[in-house]
Amino acid sequence: MEARTRFSFGDIVESYAEERYLCNEIPDIEKIEPIVFSMYDNNYWGISKHLGKAWSIGKKLGENCNEKIAESDEQKENKPSCSVIRKLK
């Protein structure tokens, strides 16, 4: 049996992001921390890492996300901007 993969693409007309996800007015993938759902194997994936099996960890991911937002808001006041961090690297 031959394996087939189908992709559907469209035109991105416009996109929006909250200020906290931007660095120099450009979306920062590390701040966004996207989650991708793979229906093929029922898994959640993040940037270069497996987050867990679908359906069983969804609630936990949501709770962790809310905690990270609260921590981020608290740390934002004491953390240098991303442009300063990139210059230091």
N, C-alpha and C. Protein backbone atom coordinates (compact mmCIF):
# COMPACT_ATOMS: atom_id res chain seq x y z
N MET A 1 0.84 -1.18 0.00
CA MET A 1 0.00 0.00 0.00
C MET A 1 0.89 1.25 0.00
N GLU A 2 0.56 2.17 -0.79
CA GLU A 2 1.34 3.39 -0.96
C GLU A 2 0.85 4.48 0.00
N ALA A 3 1.79 5.09 0.72
CA ALA A 3 1.43 6.18 1.64
C ALA A 3 1.31 7.48 0.87
N ARG A 4 0.26 8.24 1.17
CA ARG A 4 0.04 9.52 0.50
C ARG A 4 -0.16 10.61 1.54
N THR A 5 0.31 11.78 1.20
CA THR A 5 0.13 12.93 2.07
C THR A 5 -0.53 14.03 1.26
N ARG A 6 -1.56 14.65 1.85
CA ARG A 6 -2.24 15.75 1.18
C ARG A 6 -2.07 17.01 2.01
N PHE A 7 -1.83 18.11 1.34
CA PHE A 7 -1.71 19.40 2.00
C PHE A 7 -2.69 20.37 1.34
N SER A 8 -3.28 21.21 2.13
CA SER A 8 -4.14 22.26 1.62
C SER A 8 -3.55 23.60 2.02
N PHE A 9 -3.35 24.46 1.06
CA PHE A 9 -2.79 25.77 1.33
C PHE A 9 -3.72 26.84 0.78
N GLY A 10 -3.69 27.97 1.41
CA GLY A 10 -4.47 29.11 0.95
C GLY A 10 -3.62 30.36 1.03
N ASP A 11 -4.20 31.47 0.67
CA ASP A 11 -3.51 32.74 0.75
C ASP A 11 -3.73 33.36 2.13
N ILE A 12 -2.65 33.77 2.76
CA ILE A 12 -2.76 34.51 4.02
C ILE A 12 -2.92 35.97 3.65
N VAL A 13 -4.07 36.52 3.99
CA VAL A 13 -4.38 37.89 3.61
C VAL A 13 -3.91 38.87 4.68
N GLU A 14 -4.10 38.51 5.93
CA GLU A 14 -3.72 39.39 7.03
C GLU A 14 -3.55 38.55 8.28
N SER A 15 -2.72 39.00 9.20
CA SER A 15 -2.55 38.30 10.47
C SER A 15 -2.41 39.32 11.60
N TYR A 16 -2.71 38.87 12.81
CA TYR A 16 -2.67 39.75 13.97
C TYR A 16 -1.95 39.04 15.10
N ALA A 17 -1.29 39.81 15.96
CA ALA A 17 -0.61 39.25 17.13
C ALA A 17 -0.63 40.30 18.24
N GLU A 18 -0.78 39.83 19.46
CA GLU A 18 -0.70 40.73 20.60
C GLU A 18 0.73 41.20 20.76
N GLU A 19 0.90 42.37 21.34
CA GLU A 19 2.23 42.97 21.52
C GLU A 19 3.20 42.03 22.24
N ARG A 20 2.70 41.26 23.20
CA ARG A 20 3.60 40.39 23.99
C ARG A 20 4.24 39.29 23.14
N TYR A 21 3.71 39.03 21.93
CA TYR A 21 4.27 38.00 21.05
C TYR A 21 5.16 38.57 19.96
N LEU A 22 5.44 39.87 20.03
CA LEU A 22 6.24 40.52 19.01
C LEU A 22 7.62 40.88 19.52
N CYS A 23 8.55 40.95 18.60
CA CYS A 23 9.91 41.43 18.88
C CYS A 23 10.25 42.36 17.72
N ASN A 24 10.42 43.64 18.02
CA ASN A 24 10.67 44.64 16.98
C ASN A 24 9.57 44.62 15.92
N GLU A 25 8.32 44.50 16.38
CA GLU A 25 7.12 44.50 15.55
C GLU A 25 7.01 43.29 14.61
N ILE A 26 7.78 42.24 14.89
CA ILE A 26 7.75 41.00 14.10
C ILE A 26 7.37 39.86 15.04
N PRO A 27 6.45 38.97 14.62
CA PRO A 27 6.09 37.83 15.48
C PRO A 27 7.32 36.99 15.83
N ASP A 28 7.43 36.65 17.11
CA ASP A 28 8.56 35.87 17.62
C ASP A 28 8.07 34.46 17.93
N ILE A 29 8.52 33.47 17.19
CA ILE A 29 8.04 32.10 17.32
C ILE A 29 8.27 31.53 18.72
N GLU A 30 9.33 31.94 19.38
CA GLU A 30 9.60 31.45 20.74
C GLU A 30 8.60 32.01 21.74
N LYS A 31 8.13 33.22 21.52
CA LYS A 31 7.12 33.80 22.40
C LYS A 31 5.73 33.23 22.10
N ILE A 32 5.46 32.94 20.85
CA ILE A 32 4.16 32.42 20.45
C ILE A 32 3.96 30.98 20.94
N GLU A 33 5.00 30.18 20.91
CA GLU A 33 4.94 28.77 21.31
C GLU A 33 3.75 28.04 20.69
N PRO A 34 3.74 27.92 19.36
CA PRO A 34 2.59 27.28 18.71
C PRO A 34 2.49 25.79 19.03
N ILE A 35 1.27 25.30 18.97
CA ILE A 35 0.99 23.87 19.15
C ILE A 35 0.33 23.38 17.87
N VAL A 36 0.82 22.27 17.35
CA VAL A 36 0.26 21.68 16.14
C VAL A 36 -0.33 20.33 16.48
N PHE A 37 -1.53 20.07 15.99
CA PHE A 37 -2.16 18.77 16.19
C PHE A 37 -1.96 17.92 14.95
N SER A 38 -1.45 16.71 15.14
CA SER A 38 -1.26 15.77 14.04
C SER A 38 -2.35 14.71 14.12
N MET A 39 -3.28 14.76 13.19
CA MET A 39 -4.37 13.79 13.17
C MET A 39 -3.86 12.40 12.81
N TYR A 40 -2.79 12.35 12.03
CA TYR A 40 -2.24 11.07 11.58
C TYR A 40 -1.88 10.16 12.76
N ASP A 41 -1.20 10.74 13.76
CA ASP A 41 -0.78 9.93 14.90
C ASP A 41 -1.39 10.40 16.23
N ASN A 42 -2.36 11.34 16.16
CA ASN A 42 -3.04 11.88 17.34
C ASN A 42 -2.08 12.39 18.41
N ASN A 43 -1.20 13.26 17.98
CA ASN A 43 -0.22 13.85 18.89
C ASN A 43 -0.22 15.37 18.77
N TYR A 44 0.20 16.03 19.86
CA TYR A 44 0.44 17.47 19.85
C TYR A 44 1.94 17.68 19.72
N TRP A 45 2.32 18.63 18.89
CA TRP A 45 3.73 18.95 18.67
C TRP A 45 3.96 20.43 18.89
N GLY A 46 5.12 20.76 19.49
CA GLY A 46 5.56 22.14 19.62
C GLY A 46 6.74 22.33 18.68
N ILE A 47 7.44 23.41 18.84
CA ILE A 47 8.62 23.65 18.01
C ILE A 47 9.69 22.63 18.37
N SER A 48 9.95 21.72 17.48
CA SER A 48 10.96 20.66 17.58
C SER A 48 10.80 19.73 18.78
N LYS A 49 9.59 19.62 19.33
CA LYS A 49 9.42 18.67 20.43
C LYS A 49 8.00 18.11 20.48
N HIS A 50 7.92 16.88 20.95
CA HIS A 50 6.64 16.20 21.12
C HIS A 50 6.05 16.65 22.45
N LEU A 51 4.80 17.11 22.43
CA LEU A 51 4.15 17.58 23.66
C LEU A 51 3.32 16.51 24.33
N GLY A 52 2.82 15.54 23.56
CA GLY A 52 2.06 14.45 24.16
C GLY A 52 0.96 13.93 23.26
N LYS A 53 0.29 12.88 23.72
CA LYS A 53 -0.81 12.27 23.00
C LYS A 53 -2.04 13.17 23.05
N ALA A 54 -2.69 13.28 21.92
CA ALA A 54 -3.92 14.07 21.84
C ALA A 54 -5.01 13.46 22.70
N TRP A 55 -5.96 14.28 23.05
CA TRP A 55 -7.14 13.93 23.83
C TRP A 55 -6.81 13.71 25.30
N SER A 56 -5.62 13.22 25.64
CA SER A 56 -5.32 12.96 27.05
C SER A 56 -4.60 14.11 27.73
N ILE A 57 -3.91 14.96 26.96
CA ILE A 57 -3.15 16.04 27.60
C ILE A 57 -3.69 17.43 27.29
N GLY A 58 -4.75 17.53 26.52
CA GLY A 58 -5.29 18.83 26.12
C GLY A 58 -5.60 19.74 27.30
N LYS A 59 -6.24 19.20 28.31
CA LYS A 59 -6.59 20.01 29.48
C LYS A 59 -5.33 20.51 30.20
N LYS A 60 -4.34 19.64 30.34
CA LYS A 60 -3.09 20.01 31.01
C LYS A 60 -2.38 21.11 30.24
N LEU A 61 -2.34 21.02 28.90
CA LEU A 61 -1.69 22.05 28.09
C LEU A 61 -2.37 23.39 28.29
N GLY A 62 -3.69 23.41 28.36
CA GLY A 62 -4.43 24.65 28.57
C GLY A 62 -4.12 25.27 29.92
N GLU A 63 -4.04 24.45 30.96
CA GLU A 63 -3.72 24.95 32.30
C GLU A 63 -2.31 25.51 32.33
N ASN A 64 -1.35 24.80 31.72
CA ASN A 64 0.04 25.28 31.69
C ASN A 64 0.16 26.58 30.93
N CYS A 65 -0.61 26.72 29.86
CA CYS A 65 -0.59 27.94 29.05
C CYS A 65 -1.03 29.13 29.89
N ASN A 66 -2.10 28.97 30.66
CA ASN A 66 -2.59 30.06 31.49
C ASN A 66 -1.57 30.42 32.57
N GLU A 67 -0.88 29.44 33.13
CA GLU A 67 0.15 29.71 34.13
C GLU A 67 1.32 30.47 33.50
N LYS A 68 1.71 30.07 32.28
CA LYS A 68 2.83 30.74 31.61
C LYS A 68 2.49 32.19 31.29
N ILE A 69 1.25 32.46 30.92
CA ILE A 69 0.83 33.84 30.63
C ILE A 69 0.96 34.69 31.88
N ALA A 70 0.52 34.16 33.02
CA ALA A 70 0.61 34.90 34.28
C ALA A 70 2.07 35.16 34.64
N GLU A 71 2.92 34.13 34.50
CA GLU A 71 4.35 34.29 34.81
C GLU A 71 4.99 35.30 33.87
N SER A 72 4.63 35.23 32.59
CA SER A 72 5.19 36.13 31.59
C SER A 72 4.85 37.58 31.91
N ASP A 73 3.60 37.81 32.30
CA ASP A 73 3.19 39.17 32.63
C ASP A 73 3.97 39.70 33.83
N GLU A 74 4.25 38.85 34.82
CA GLU A 74 5.01 39.26 35.99
C GLU A 74 6.46 39.53 35.64
N GLN A 75 7.04 38.69 34.76
CA GLN A 75 8.45 38.81 34.42
C GLN A 75 8.72 39.91 33.40
N LYS A 76 7.70 40.29 32.65
CA LYS A 76 7.87 41.26 31.57
C LYS A 76 8.45 42.58 32.09
N GLU A 77 8.03 42.99 33.27
CA GLU A 77 8.48 44.26 33.82
C GLU A 77 9.97 44.24 34.16
N ASN A 78 10.52 43.06 34.53
CA ASN A 78 11.91 42.96 34.95
C ASN A 78 12.83 42.43 33.87
N LYS A 79 12.30 42.08 32.71
CA LYS A 79 13.09 41.45 31.66
C LYS A 79 13.44 42.47 30.58
N PRO A 80 14.70 42.46 30.08
CA PRO A 80 15.05 43.37 29.00
C PRO A 80 14.31 43.00 27.72
N SER A 81 14.18 43.96 26.81
CA SER A 81 13.48 43.69 25.56
C SER A 81 14.24 42.68 24.72
N CYS A 82 13.57 42.08 23.75
CA CYS A 82 14.19 41.04 22.94
C CYS A 82 15.36 41.58 22.12
N SER A 83 15.30 42.83 21.71
CA SER A 83 16.41 43.39 20.93
C SER A 83 17.68 43.45 21.78
N VAL A 84 17.54 43.74 23.07
CA VAL A 84 18.70 43.75 23.95
C VAL A 84 19.23 42.35 24.14
N ILE A 85 18.36 41.37 24.30
CA ILE A 85 18.78 39.98 24.50
C ILE A 85 19.52 39.48 23.27
N ARG A 86 19.03 39.77 22.09
CA ARG A 86 19.69 39.29 20.86
C ARG A 86 21.06 39.91 20.69
N LYS A 87 21.25 41.16 21.11
CA LYS A 87 22.56 41.81 21.02
C LYS A 87 23.55 41.15 21.98
N LEU A 88 23.05 40.66 23.10
CA LEU A 88 23.92 40.03 24.09
C LEU A 88 24.40 38.66 23.63
N LYS A 89 23.63 37.99 22.78
CA LYS A 89 23.98 36.62 22.34
C LYS A 89 25.13 36.59 21.42
